[in-house]
Amino acid sequence: MSQSNDQGPLEEFVEEIEPVIFAFGAGITLLFVAIFAYKPETAGDIVTRANDLVLAHFNWAFLVIMLFFVLFLGFLIFGPWGNLRFGDEPPEFSYFSYFTMMYSAGLAAGIVFWGPAESLIHYASVPPLYDVPAKSTAAMPIALQYSLFHWGLTQWSCFTVMGIGIGYYVYNHDAPLRVSSVLTPFIGADSIKDSYWATIIDILAVFATLGGVATSLGFIGSQFLTGLNYRWGIELNDLLTIGVITGMTVIFTASLVLGIDRGIRRLSNFNMTLFGVLMIGTLIVGPTWAILQVGTQAMAGFIGDFFKMSLFTHVAGGGEWANTWTVFYWAWPLAWSPFAGLFIARISRGRSVREVAFTGIGATAMATIPWFIVLGGAGLQLQNSGAANLLGPIQNPSLGESVSGYVLFGALPFGSIFLFFFLLLVMTFFVTSADSSTLAVSMMVTGGKEEPSAGNRIFWGVLQGLVASILMVIGGVDALQMAAIITGGPFAIVGLVACVGLIRSFRKKHGNLLLQEETVIFGWSEKETTEHQQKVEPNDD
């Protein structure tokens, strides 16, 4: 019998962890929560100032770097390097399951939440890049266009870059399954474990992931509680808050313990099926033709103004607006990119670089854009035509954006049925985000172990639920969110390092692919290509 089988859960847990990453990653998070609980105003003020400093001076960098990620992935999709593969083994999962797991682990919970809300907010207050009257018919496609821009493509790019940067070196260079493996082309795979810089990256990754997931637990919990209050008059209190967070923690921890195939994969497949059913159902019972019309206009604006929106910072006070919306939206997924990238790498064995890049920004966009067009377009049409007052509850400070889905589906036929499925979808998408991120944290603190022990996964699941409950009760979710956003800056740099490393590795080991691709395209043989090069590039002799 092996030693691992003789060990109890506690011994196995202790033996598999990397003590430095574990201690500092968990310690920094718990210390932050403790300080905020003891001195909430002081801690909140410090974090707010740091967050404002980052956004005020480096907003341009977030915009430029994220646009670069999109262009880099576009080259991998259409260029010759896309043929490279992650290892020599066949893919572990079917493409549908692969896509649904990537989608569910990423921004899906936020997409479901903001689908009915963001377009209405831009309709009521038009982005300063465009000079059209607020709450007008002309504002409708602009409002929808910006929601497509914020959620449809760019946010996913940092996840995908990190996933490719980690996965390529894990499966082709035997690097450990750690975020810091993106440093492989610079320090070598054997040096990752002992590298000072690699350790710092992995510690920051644990903190950013814990902060992000705990914040989202509180975020989704508050949305659920807002719905209970708005629809059924159930009062919000600390006990109910803790109960909701505990329930979600139990669900995602159970899914996590079941593993990727039995837990995360099956739940992700269910999510995407329900996602499609709810979207198609809304299109059918909602103002169908108006949705398609405004959606077509919004898509034209999204494509035509993509670069202008991507680099917009200052026009008539637009700096503050851009920081609140676009820069915030780019910083937040950057802070999540360590866990999302690590999870993408974990499920991408056997895939080609092109498959991973396309799934990361192409297939996800093909699912996200229709969702925003249907739900956002329905809300805009109902509001603009006067058929329903959706903005009233959304602009109520005691309700806010959390109520948008309840108001929208309440105004549609069969609203109660749609509302039930909407709530179920938000919860299950969050569960898949939480269990995949918790799995990623478990891998981070075990030095890259693909299948951390059940005890390890349960520990991190319970810890995240505990942190979220404390922050919800003491009102510290926003502070932890801002603290996690601040880590988006370092991971923007890590993402750039990953791109530079991949370019070096691809050119060094597979540079002849460009020549091979040209041979296929133009129909020249290798001999003809060589002869042609000798004619146009004669020897200096």
Protein backbone atom coordinates (compact mmCIF):
# COMPACT_ATOMS: atom_id res chain seq x y z
CA MET A 1 0.00 0.00 0.00
CA SER A 2 1.34 3.46 -0.91
CA GLN A 3 2.22 6.04 1.65
CA SER A 4 -0.55 8.36 0.54
CA ASN A 5 -3.12 5.66 1.26
CA ASP A 6 -1.74 5.20 4.80
CA GLN A 7 -2.13 8.90 5.52
CA GLY A 8 -5.17 10.51 7.08
CA PRO A 9 -6.83 13.58 5.53
CA LEU A 10 -4.92 15.98 7.79
CA GLU A 11 -1.52 14.43 7.07
CA GLU A 12 -2.21 14.40 3.33
CA PHE A 13 -3.35 18.04 3.48
CA VAL A 14 -0.23 19.17 5.30
CA GLU A 15 2.18 17.17 3.14
CA GLU A 16 0.90 18.41 -0.23
CA ILE A 17 0.87 22.17 0.45
CA GLU A 18 3.62 24.61 -0.46
CA PRO A 19 4.05 26.30 2.95
CA VAL A 20 5.22 29.73 1.75
CA ILE A 21 2.47 30.19 -0.84
CA PHE A 22 -0.14 28.75 1.52
CA ALA A 23 0.88 30.90 4.49
CA PHE A 24 1.24 34.18 2.67
CA GLY A 25 -1.70 33.74 0.27
CA ALA A 26 -4.21 32.77 2.94
CA GLY A 27 -2.55 34.93 5.57
CA ILE A 28 -2.75 38.16 3.58
CA THR A 29 -6.43 37.57 2.85
CA LEU A 30 -7.34 36.77 6.46
CA LEU A 31 -5.24 39.68 7.75
CA PHE A 32 -7.06 42.05 5.43
CA VAL A 33 -10.44 40.77 6.65
CA ALA A 34 -9.34 41.07 10.30
CA ILE A 35 -8.08 44.64 9.84
CA PHE A 36 -11.23 45.67 8.07
CA ALA A 37 -13.40 44.10 10.78
CA TYR A 38 -11.42 45.96 13.47
CA LYS A 39 -10.96 49.31 11.67
CA PRO A 40 -13.43 49.31 8.77
CA GLU A 41 -13.29 53.03 7.99
CA THR A 42 -9.50 53.25 8.07
CA ALA A 43 -8.99 50.10 6.02
CA GLY A 44 -11.66 51.13 3.54
CA ASP A 45 -10.09 54.57 3.12
CA ILE A 46 -6.62 53.11 2.46
CA VAL A 47 -7.92 50.68 -0.14
CA THR A 48 -10.04 53.36 -1.81
CA ARG A 49 -7.08 55.72 -2.10
CA ALA A 50 -4.88 53.00 -3.56
CA ASN A 51 -7.60 52.01 -6.00
CA ASP A 52 -8.14 55.63 -7.09
CA LEU A 53 -4.39 56.08 -7.55
CA VAL A 54 -4.15 53.06 -9.84
CA LEU A 55 -7.16 54.12 -11.91
CA ALA A 56 -6.09 57.77 -12.15
CA HIS A 57 -2.54 57.19 -13.40
CA PHE A 58 -2.61 53.83 -15.13
CA ASN A 59 -6.06 53.71 -16.76
CA TRP A 60 -4.46 54.08 -20.20
CA ALA A 61 -2.21 51.07 -19.53
CA PHE A 62 -5.18 48.80 -18.77
CA LEU A 63 -6.82 49.84 -22.05
CA VAL A 64 -3.70 49.39 -24.19
CA ILE A 65 -2.66 46.07 -22.65
CA MET A 66 -6.10 44.48 -22.95
CA LEU A 67 -6.36 45.59 -26.58
CA PHE A 68 -2.94 44.05 -27.21
CA PHE A 69 -4.15 40.75 -25.73
CA VAL A 70 -7.08 40.72 -28.17
CA LEU A 71 -4.78 41.37 -31.14
CA PHE A 72 -2.28 38.75 -29.98
CA LEU A 73 -5.01 36.12 -29.67
CA GLY A 74 -6.35 37.11 -33.07
CA PHE A 75 -2.92 36.36 -34.54
CA LEU A 76 -2.82 32.98 -32.79
CA ILE A 77 -6.26 32.12 -34.20
CA PHE A 78 -5.47 33.04 -37.79
CA GLY A 79 -1.69 32.67 -37.84
CA PRO A 80 0.52 29.58 -38.23
CA TRP A 81 1.37 29.24 -34.53
CA GLY A 82 -2.20 28.17 -33.88
CA ASN A 83 -1.29 24.66 -35.09
CA LEU A 84 0.85 24.01 -32.02
CA ARG A 85 -0.66 21.68 -29.42
CA PHE A 86 -0.65 21.34 -25.64
CA GLY A 87 1.18 18.03 -25.34
CA ASP A 88 0.79 14.86 -27.38
CA GLU A 89 -2.26 13.32 -25.68
CA PRO A 90 -5.81 13.59 -27.07
CA PRO A 91 -8.17 16.13 -25.45
CA GLU A 92 -9.58 15.04 -22.12
CA PHE A 93 -13.10 16.43 -22.72
CA SER A 94 -15.47 16.86 -25.66
CA TYR A 95 -15.41 20.33 -27.23
CA PHE A 96 -18.87 21.20 -25.88
CA SER A 97 -17.85 20.30 -22.33
CA TYR A 98 -14.55 22.11 -22.79
CA PHE A 99 -16.34 25.27 -23.90
CA THR A 100 -19.00 25.13 -21.19
CA MET A 101 -16.40 24.67 -18.45
CA MET A 102 -14.33 27.58 -19.74
CA TYR A 103 -17.43 29.77 -20.00
CA SER A 104 -18.79 28.81 -16.60
CA ALA A 105 -15.44 29.34 -14.89
CA GLY A 106 -15.05 32.82 -16.32
CA LEU A 107 -17.48 35.72 -16.44
CA ALA A 108 -20.73 33.78 -16.78
CA ALA A 109 -22.27 34.83 -13.45
CA GLY A 110 -21.54 38.49 -14.21
CA ILE A 111 -22.90 38.11 -17.74
CA VAL A 112 -26.18 36.70 -16.45
CA PHE A 113 -26.42 39.46 -13.84
CA TRP A 114 -25.57 42.42 -16.11
CA GLY A 115 -27.43 41.18 -19.20
CA PRO A 116 -30.70 42.91 -18.32
CA ALA A 117 -29.07 45.83 -16.43
CA GLU A 118 -26.15 47.49 -18.20
CA SER A 119 -27.91 48.60 -21.38
CA LEU A 120 -30.60 50.34 -19.33
CA ILE A 121 -27.97 52.20 -17.31
CA HIS A 122 -26.25 53.47 -20.46
CA TYR A 123 -29.66 54.35 -21.91
CA ALA A 124 -30.39 56.55 -18.88
CA SER A 125 -26.89 58.10 -18.94
CA VAL A 126 -25.28 57.86 -22.38
CA PRO A 127 -21.49 57.24 -22.44
CA PRO A 128 -19.69 60.55 -23.13
CA LEU A 129 -18.08 59.17 -26.29
CA TYR A 130 -21.46 59.68 -28.02
CA ASP A 131 -23.54 62.84 -28.25
CA VAL A 132 -27.12 61.61 -28.25
CA PRO A 133 -29.98 62.49 -25.87
CA ALA A 134 -30.40 60.20 -22.87
CA LYS A 135 -33.54 58.06 -22.67
CA SER A 136 -34.20 58.46 -26.40
CA THR A 137 -34.63 56.05 -29.28
CA ALA A 138 -31.22 57.14 -30.57
CA ALA A 139 -29.65 56.14 -27.24
CA MET A 140 -30.88 52.54 -27.47
CA PRO A 141 -28.32 51.07 -29.92
CA ILE A 142 -25.51 53.06 -28.27
CA ALA A 143 -26.44 51.69 -24.86
CA LEU A 144 -26.59 48.12 -26.14
CA GLN A 145 -23.39 48.56 -28.15
CA TYR A 146 -21.40 49.52 -25.08
CA SER A 147 -22.68 46.55 -23.09
CA LEU A 148 -21.57 44.27 -25.96
CA PHE A 149 -18.16 45.94 -25.92
CA HIS A 150 -17.72 45.55 -22.17
CA TRP A 151 -18.68 41.88 -22.00
CA GLY A 152 -18.44 40.35 -25.46
CA LEU A 153 -14.74 40.02 -26.28
CA THR A 154 -12.00 41.92 -24.47
CA GLN A 155 -12.65 40.80 -20.89
CA TRP A 156 -12.00 37.20 -21.88
CA SER A 157 -8.64 37.97 -23.50
CA CYS A 158 -6.59 38.09 -20.29
CA PHE A 159 -8.02 34.73 -19.12
CA THR A 160 -7.09 33.16 -22.44
CA VAL A 161 -3.58 34.62 -22.60
CA MET A 162 -2.84 33.32 -19.12
CA GLY A 163 -4.34 29.92 -19.96
CA ILE A 164 -2.16 29.55 -23.06
CA GLY A 165 0.91 30.90 -21.25
CA ILE A 166 0.52 28.37 -18.43
CA GLY A 167 -0.76 25.39 -20.42
CA TYR A 168 1.87 25.46 -23.15
CA TYR A 169 4.74 25.20 -20.70
CA VAL A 170 3.00 22.67 -18.47
CA TYR A 171 2.28 20.20 -21.28
CA ASN A 172 5.26 20.91 -23.54
CA HIS A 173 8.07 21.78 -21.11
CA ASP A 174 7.04 19.84 -17.97
CA ALA A 175 6.55 23.03 -15.95
CA PRO A 176 4.46 22.74 -12.75
CA LEU A 177 0.76 23.60 -12.99
CA ARG A 178 1.25 27.03 -11.42
CA VAL A 179 0.54 30.58 -12.54
CA SER A 180 4.25 31.35 -12.33
CA SER A 181 4.95 28.80 -15.08
CA VAL A 182 4.61 31.68 -17.55
CA LEU A 183 8.19 32.48 -16.49
CA THR A 184 9.46 29.19 -17.95
CA PRO A 185 11.08 30.67 -21.11
CA PHE A 186 13.05 33.10 -18.93
CA ILE A 187 14.17 30.99 -15.96
CA GLY A 188 13.47 27.41 -17.04
CA ALA A 189 10.84 24.95 -15.83
CA ASP A 190 13.14 23.45 -13.20
CA SER A 191 13.65 26.83 -11.53
CA ILE A 192 9.97 27.72 -11.05
CA LYS A 193 9.72 26.11 -7.62
CA ASP A 194 12.71 27.98 -6.16
CA SER A 195 12.34 31.29 -7.96
CA TYR A 196 11.70 34.39 -5.84
CA TRP A 197 9.65 36.03 -8.60
CA ALA A 198 7.63 32.87 -9.22
CA THR A 199 6.74 32.68 -5.53
CA ILE A 200 5.59 36.31 -5.49
CA ILE A 201 3.39 35.72 -8.53
CA ASP A 202 1.78 32.65 -6.95
CA ILE A 203 1.14 34.43 -3.63
CA LEU A 204 -0.51 37.36 -5.41
CA ALA A 205 -2.53 34.87 -7.43
CA VAL A 206 -3.91 33.22 -4.27
CA PHE A 207 -4.86 36.59 -2.76
CA ALA A 208 -6.49 37.86 -5.95
CA THR A 209 -8.46 34.65 -6.37
CA LEU A 210 -9.63 34.46 -2.76
CA GLY A 211 -10.61 38.12 -2.80
CA GLY A 212 -12.39 37.84 -6.12
CA VAL A 213 -14.38 34.74 -5.29
CA ALA A 214 -15.30 35.85 -1.77
CA THR A 215 -16.49 39.15 -3.23
CA SER A 216 -18.56 37.38 -5.85
CA LEU A 217 -20.11 35.16 -3.19
CA GLY A 218 -21.22 38.33 -1.43
CA PHE A 219 -22.24 39.89 -4.75
CA ILE A 220 -24.46 37.00 -5.83
CA GLY A 221 -25.77 36.61 -2.28
CA SER A 222 -26.86 40.24 -2.19
CA GLN A 223 -28.56 39.84 -5.57
CA PHE A 224 -30.45 36.81 -4.32
CA LEU A 225 -31.49 38.61 -1.14
CA THR A 226 -32.55 41.70 -3.08
CA GLY A 227 -34.82 39.51 -5.16
CA LEU A 228 -36.38 37.95 -2.09
CA ASN A 229 -37.04 41.40 -0.69
CA TYR A 230 -38.35 42.92 -3.93
CA ARG A 231 -40.58 40.05 -5.03
CA TRP A 232 -41.70 38.50 -1.76
CA GLY A 233 -41.01 41.13 0.91
CA ILE A 234 -38.52 38.99 2.86
CA GLU A 235 -36.40 41.33 4.96
CA LEU A 236 -32.63 41.29 4.70
CA ASN A 237 -30.84 40.46 7.96
CA ASP A 238 -27.48 39.08 9.02
CA LEU A 239 -28.79 35.59 9.75
CA LEU A 240 -30.44 35.27 6.34
CA THR A 241 -27.30 36.62 4.69
CA ILE A 242 -25.08 34.04 6.39
CA GLY A 243 -27.60 31.32 5.54
CA VAL A 244 -27.55 32.16 1.82
CA ILE A 245 -23.74 32.33 1.70
CA THR A 246 -23.48 29.05 3.62
CA GLY A 247 -25.89 27.35 1.24
CA MET A 248 -23.94 28.46 -1.82
CA THR A 249 -20.69 27.38 -0.16
CA VAL A 250 -22.04 23.89 0.53
CA ILE A 251 -23.22 23.53 -3.07
CA PHE A 252 -20.01 24.60 -4.76
CA THR A 253 -17.83 22.68 -2.28
CA ALA A 254 -19.82 19.50 -3.00
CA SER A 255 -19.38 20.06 -6.73
CA LEU A 256 -15.68 20.67 -6.17
CA VAL A 257 -15.18 17.45 -4.21
CA LEU A 258 -16.86 15.48 -7.00
CA GLY A 259 -14.06 16.66 -9.30
CA ILE A 260 -13.92 18.13 -12.77
CA ASP A 261 -15.62 15.33 -14.69
CA ARG A 262 -18.43 14.41 -12.29
CA GLY A 263 -18.97 17.86 -10.77
CA ILE A 264 -17.78 20.88 -12.73
CA ARG A 265 -18.27 19.40 -16.22
CA ARG A 266 -21.82 18.19 -15.67
CA LEU A 267 -22.93 21.36 -13.96
CA SER A 268 -21.33 23.50 -16.69
CA ASN A 269 -23.18 21.55 -19.39
CA PHE A 270 -26.44 22.08 -17.50
CA ASN A 271 -25.69 25.80 -17.17
CA MET A 272 -25.18 26.39 -20.87
CA THR A 273 -28.30 24.43 -21.79
CA LEU A 274 -30.40 26.48 -19.38
CA PHE A 275 -28.64 29.65 -20.59
CA GLY A 276 -29.70 28.94 -24.17
CA VAL A 277 -33.27 28.00 -23.23
CA LEU A 278 -33.76 31.18 -21.19
CA MET A 279 -32.30 33.40 -23.93
CA ILE A 280 -34.38 31.87 -26.73
CA GLY A 281 -37.50 31.93 -24.57
CA THR A 282 -37.02 35.64 -23.84
CA LEU A 283 -36.59 36.37 -27.54
CA ILE A 284 -39.82 34.53 -28.37
CA VAL A 285 -42.09 36.03 -25.70
CA GLY A 286 -40.44 39.47 -25.72
CA PRO A 287 -40.58 42.21 -28.39
CA THR A 288 -38.85 39.97 -30.93
CA TRP A 289 -38.55 42.21 -33.97
CA ALA A 290 -37.56 45.26 -31.95
CA ILE A 291 -34.83 43.21 -30.23
CA LEU A 292 -33.42 42.03 -33.57
CA GLN A 293 -33.50 45.54 -35.02
CA VAL A 294 -31.71 47.29 -32.16
CA GLY A 295 -29.34 44.33 -31.84
CA THR A 296 -28.29 44.65 -35.49
CA GLN A 297 -27.60 48.37 -35.03
CA ALA A 298 -25.63 47.70 -31.86
CA MET A 299 -23.50 45.03 -33.55
CA ALA A 300 -22.65 47.43 -36.38
CA GLY A 301 -21.55 50.05 -33.84
CA PHE A 302 -19.60 47.48 -31.80
CA ILE A 303 -17.62 46.38 -34.85
CA GLY A 304 -17.16 49.84 -36.35
CA ASP A 305 -16.20 51.64 -33.13
CA PHE A 306 -14.29 48.84 -31.44
CA PHE A 307 -10.89 50.55 -31.44
CA LYS A 308 -12.36 53.91 -30.53
CA MET A 309 -14.14 52.44 -27.51
CA SER A 310 -11.07 50.37 -26.60
CA LEU A 311 -8.85 53.46 -26.23
CA PHE A 312 -11.36 56.01 -24.95
CA THR A 313 -10.29 57.77 -21.75
CA HIS A 314 -10.82 61.55 -21.74
CA VAL A 315 -13.49 63.50 -23.60
CA ALA A 316 -15.54 66.11 -21.75
CA GLY A 317 -15.06 64.49 -18.38
CA GLY A 318 -14.92 61.00 -19.85
CA GLY A 319 -11.92 60.05 -17.72
CA GLU A 320 -14.08 59.46 -14.68
CA TRP A 321 -16.65 57.58 -16.74
CA ALA A 322 -14.00 55.37 -18.37
CA ASN A 323 -12.48 54.55 -14.97
CA THR A 324 -15.89 53.65 -13.55
CA TRP A 325 -16.83 51.42 -16.47
CA THR A 326 -14.28 50.25 -19.04
CA VAL A 327 -11.10 50.42 -16.94
CA PHE A 328 -12.88 48.80 -14.01
CA TYR A 329 -14.16 46.04 -16.27
CA TRP A 330 -10.63 45.39 -17.55
CA ALA A 331 -8.96 45.49 -14.11
CA TRP A 332 -11.42 43.07 -12.54
CA PRO A 333 -10.85 40.13 -14.95
CA LEU A 334 -7.12 40.83 -14.84
CA ALA A 335 -7.29 40.18 -11.09
CA TRP A 336 -9.19 36.96 -11.84
CA SER A 337 -6.87 35.93 -14.68
CA PRO A 338 -4.57 33.78 -12.46
CA PHE A 339 -7.27 31.33 -11.42
CA ALA A 340 -9.14 31.44 -14.75
CA GLY A 341 -5.91 30.95 -16.68
CA LEU A 342 -4.82 28.10 -14.43
CA PHE A 343 -8.20 26.38 -14.81
CA ILE A 344 -8.15 26.85 -18.59
CA ALA A 345 -4.67 25.32 -18.68
CA ARG A 346 -5.86 22.39 -16.56
CA ILE A 347 -8.65 21.45 -19.00
CA SER A 348 -6.75 22.21 -22.24
CA ARG A 349 -4.41 19.22 -22.48
CA GLY A 350 -4.39 17.98 -26.07
CA ARG A 351 -5.95 21.14 -27.52
CA SER A 352 -4.23 23.27 -30.14
CA VAL A 353 -3.25 26.85 -29.45
CA ARG A 354 -5.82 27.90 -32.05
CA GLU A 355 -8.59 25.97 -30.28
CA VAL A 356 -7.80 27.52 -26.92
CA ALA A 357 -7.51 31.05 -28.34
CA PHE A 358 -10.71 30.77 -30.37
CA THR A 359 -12.70 29.24 -27.52
CA GLY A 360 -11.41 31.92 -25.15
CA ILE A 361 -12.49 34.98 -27.14
CA GLY A 362 -14.43 33.65 -30.14
CA ALA A 363 -16.81 30.99 -28.88
CA THR A 364 -17.41 32.91 -25.64
CA ALA A 365 -18.29 36.04 -27.64
CA MET A 366 -20.69 34.01 -29.78
CA ALA A 367 -22.56 33.04 -26.60
CA THR A 368 -22.32 36.35 -24.75
CA ILE A 369 -23.32 38.80 -27.49
CA PRO A 370 -26.72 37.17 -28.23
CA TRP A 371 -27.49 37.12 -24.48
CA PHE A 372 -26.91 40.86 -24.15
CA ILE A 373 -28.77 41.61 -27.36
CA VAL A 374 -31.83 39.63 -26.27
CA LEU A 375 -32.07 40.65 -22.61
CA GLY A 376 -30.66 44.15 -23.06
CA GLY A 377 -32.72 44.77 -26.17
CA ALA A 378 -35.90 43.55 -24.47
CA GLY A 379 -35.34 45.84 -21.49
CA LEU A 380 -34.57 48.85 -23.69
CA GLN A 381 -37.67 48.33 -25.82
CA LEU A 382 -39.97 47.89 -22.81
CA GLN A 383 -38.55 51.02 -21.17
CA ASN A 384 -38.47 53.21 -24.28
CA SER A 385 -41.99 52.26 -25.37
CA GLY A 386 -43.42 52.85 -21.90
CA ALA A 387 -44.62 49.25 -21.62
CA ALA A 388 -42.75 48.89 -18.31
CA ASN A 389 -40.77 51.07 -15.91
CA LEU A 390 -37.54 49.17 -15.42
CA LEU A 391 -35.36 52.15 -14.60
CA GLY A 392 -37.38 53.15 -11.54
CA PRO A 393 -36.43 50.14 -9.39
CA ILE A 394 -32.88 50.02 -10.82
CA GLN A 395 -32.24 53.66 -9.90
CA ASN A 396 -33.63 53.09 -6.40
CA PRO A 397 -30.54 53.20 -4.10
CA SER A 398 -31.94 50.47 -1.86
CA LEU A 399 -32.29 48.08 -4.82
CA GLY A 400 -29.83 49.02 -7.58
CA GLU A 401 -28.76 46.83 -10.50
CA SER A 402 -29.45 43.67 -8.49
CA VAL A 403 -33.15 44.06 -9.18
CA SER A 404 -32.90 44.36 -12.98
CA GLY A 405 -33.58 40.71 -13.80
CA TYR A 406 -36.60 40.58 -11.50
CA VAL A 407 -38.10 43.69 -13.08
CA LEU A 408 -37.45 42.57 -16.66
CA PHE A 409 -38.88 39.08 -16.35
CA GLY A 410 -41.76 40.37 -14.25
CA ALA A 411 -42.78 42.50 -17.26
CA LEU A 412 -42.79 39.56 -19.70
CA PRO A 413 -45.39 36.85 -20.23
CA PHE A 414 -44.76 33.78 -18.05
CA GLY A 415 -42.60 36.05 -15.92
CA SER A 416 -42.65 33.84 -12.82
CA ILE A 417 -41.30 30.86 -14.77
CA PHE A 418 -38.57 32.94 -16.38
CA LEU A 419 -37.69 34.45 -13.03
CA PHE A 420 -37.22 31.02 -11.45
CA PHE A 421 -34.90 29.90 -14.26
CA PHE A 422 -33.02 33.22 -14.08
CA LEU A 423 -32.34 32.76 -10.36
CA LEU A 424 -31.31 29.15 -10.91
CA LEU A 425 -28.96 30.19 -13.70
CA VAL A 426 -27.27 32.90 -11.62
CA MET A 427 -26.75 30.48 -8.75
CA THR A 428 -25.43 27.57 -10.83
CA PHE A 429 -23.12 29.78 -12.89
CA PHE A 430 -21.73 31.18 -9.70
CA VAL A 431 -21.24 27.67 -8.31
CA THR A 432 -19.17 26.65 -11.34
CA SER A 433 -17.10 29.85 -11.08
CA ALA A 434 -16.54 29.25 -7.37
CA ASP A 435 -15.63 25.57 -7.58
CA SER A 436 -13.27 26.07 -10.52
CA SER A 437 -11.55 28.96 -8.75
CA THR A 438 -11.30 26.99 -5.52
CA LEU A 439 -9.77 24.10 -7.45
CA ALA A 440 -7.29 26.59 -8.92
CA VAL A 441 -6.35 27.87 -5.46
CA SER A 442 -5.87 24.28 -4.30
CA MET A 443 -3.52 23.69 -7.22
CA MET A 444 -1.64 26.92 -6.48
CA VAL A 445 -0.92 26.03 -2.85
CA THR A 446 0.09 22.44 -3.67
CA GLY A 447 2.77 23.46 -6.16
CA GLY A 448 0.70 22.52 -9.20
CA LYS A 449 -0.95 19.24 -8.23
CA GLU A 450 -3.66 18.46 -10.81
CA GLU A 451 -5.91 16.66 -8.34
CA PRO A 452 -5.50 18.19 -4.86
CA SER A 453 -6.90 16.15 -1.98
CA ALA A 454 -10.55 16.47 -1.00
CA GLY A 455 -9.46 17.93 2.33
CA ASN A 456 -7.52 20.67 0.57
CA ARG A 457 -10.46 21.58 -1.64
CA ILE A 458 -12.92 21.55 1.27
CA PHE A 459 -10.61 23.78 3.32
CA TRP A 460 -10.47 26.47 0.65
CA GLY A 461 -14.18 26.24 -0.08
CA VAL A 462 -15.07 26.73 3.58
CA LEU A 463 -12.53 29.54 3.94
CA GLN A 464 -13.99 31.43 1.00
CA GLY A 465 -17.51 31.03 2.33
CA LEU A 466 -16.38 32.23 5.76
CA VAL A 467 -14.64 35.31 4.33
CA ALA A 468 -17.68 36.17 2.23
CA SER A 469 -20.06 35.83 5.19
CA ILE A 470 -17.93 38.07 7.40
CA LEU A 471 -17.59 40.71 4.71
CA MET A 472 -21.30 40.69 3.90
CA VAL A 473 -22.20 41.24 7.55
CA ILE A 474 -19.64 43.96 8.28
CA GLY A 475 -20.03 45.64 4.90
CA GLY A 476 -16.55 45.00 3.58
CA VAL A 477 -17.28 43.37 0.24
CA ASP A 478 -16.59 46.56 -1.73
CA ALA A 479 -13.25 47.03 0.02
CA LEU A 480 -12.09 43.50 -0.75
CA GLN A 481 -13.28 43.95 -4.32
CA MET A 482 -11.18 47.10 -4.69
CA ALA A 483 -8.20 45.36 -3.10
CA ALA A 484 -8.52 42.52 -5.58
CA ILE A 485 -8.81 45.01 -8.46
CA ILE A 486 -5.51 46.58 -7.43
CA THR A 487 -3.87 43.22 -8.12
CA GLY A 488 -5.08 43.52 -11.71
CA GLY A 489 -2.15 45.86 -12.37
CA PRO A 490 0.55 43.28 -11.57
CA PHE A 491 -1.26 40.60 -13.55
CA ALA A 492 -1.49 42.90 -16.56
CA ILE A 493 2.31 42.85 -16.47
CA VAL A 494 2.37 39.07 -15.92
CA GLY A 495 0.11 38.70 -18.95
CA LEU A 496 2.50 40.75 -21.05
CA VAL A 497 5.39 38.61 -19.82
CA ALA A 498 3.41 35.53 -20.86
CA CYS A 499 2.93 36.94 -24.37
CA VAL A 500 6.62 37.81 -24.75
CA GLY A 501 7.62 34.37 -23.51
CA LEU A 502 5.22 32.62 -25.89
CA ILE A 503 6.50 34.64 -28.84
CA ARG A 504 10.09 33.73 -27.94
CA SER A 505 9.24 30.04 -27.53
CA PHE A 506 7.12 29.79 -30.67
CA ARG A 507 9.74 31.53 -32.82
CA LYS A 508 12.66 29.61 -31.34
CA LYS A 509 11.21 26.13 -31.59
CA HIS A 510 8.58 26.44 -34.31
CA GLY A 511 9.67 29.40 -36.43
CA ASN A 512 9.62 27.29 -39.60
CA LEU A 513 5.82 27.05 -39.34
CA LEU A 514 5.48 30.38 -41.12
CA LEU A 515 7.42 29.02 -44.09
CA GLN A 516 5.35 25.82 -44.03
CA GLU A 517 2.14 27.80 -43.97
CA GLU A 518 3.23 29.87 -46.99
CA THR A 519 4.11 26.66 -48.84
CA VAL A 520 0.58 25.38 -48.31
CA ILE A 521 -1.03 28.66 -49.29
CA PHE A 522 0.91 29.35 -52.46
CA GLY A 523 1.38 25.76 -53.53
CA TRP A 524 5.19 25.91 -53.72
CA SER A 525 7.28 22.90 -52.89
CA GLU A 526 10.07 23.21 -50.34
CA LYS A 527 12.62 23.04 -53.18
CA GLU A 528 10.88 25.81 -55.13
CA THR A 529 10.71 27.95 -52.02
CA THR A 530 14.43 27.52 -51.36
CA GLU A 531 15.31 28.35 -54.98
CA HIS A 532 13.13 31.45 -54.86
CA GLN A 533 14.82 32.66 -51.67
CA GLN A 534 18.26 32.15 -53.23
CA LYS A 535 17.24 34.34 -56.19
CA VAL A 536 15.88 37.21 -54.11
CA GLU A 537 18.52 36.92 -51.37
CA PRO A 538 21.89 36.25 -53.11
CA ASN A 539 24.97 35.53 -51.00
CA ASP A 540 27.18 38.45 -50.09
CA ASP A 541 30.12 36.55 -51.62
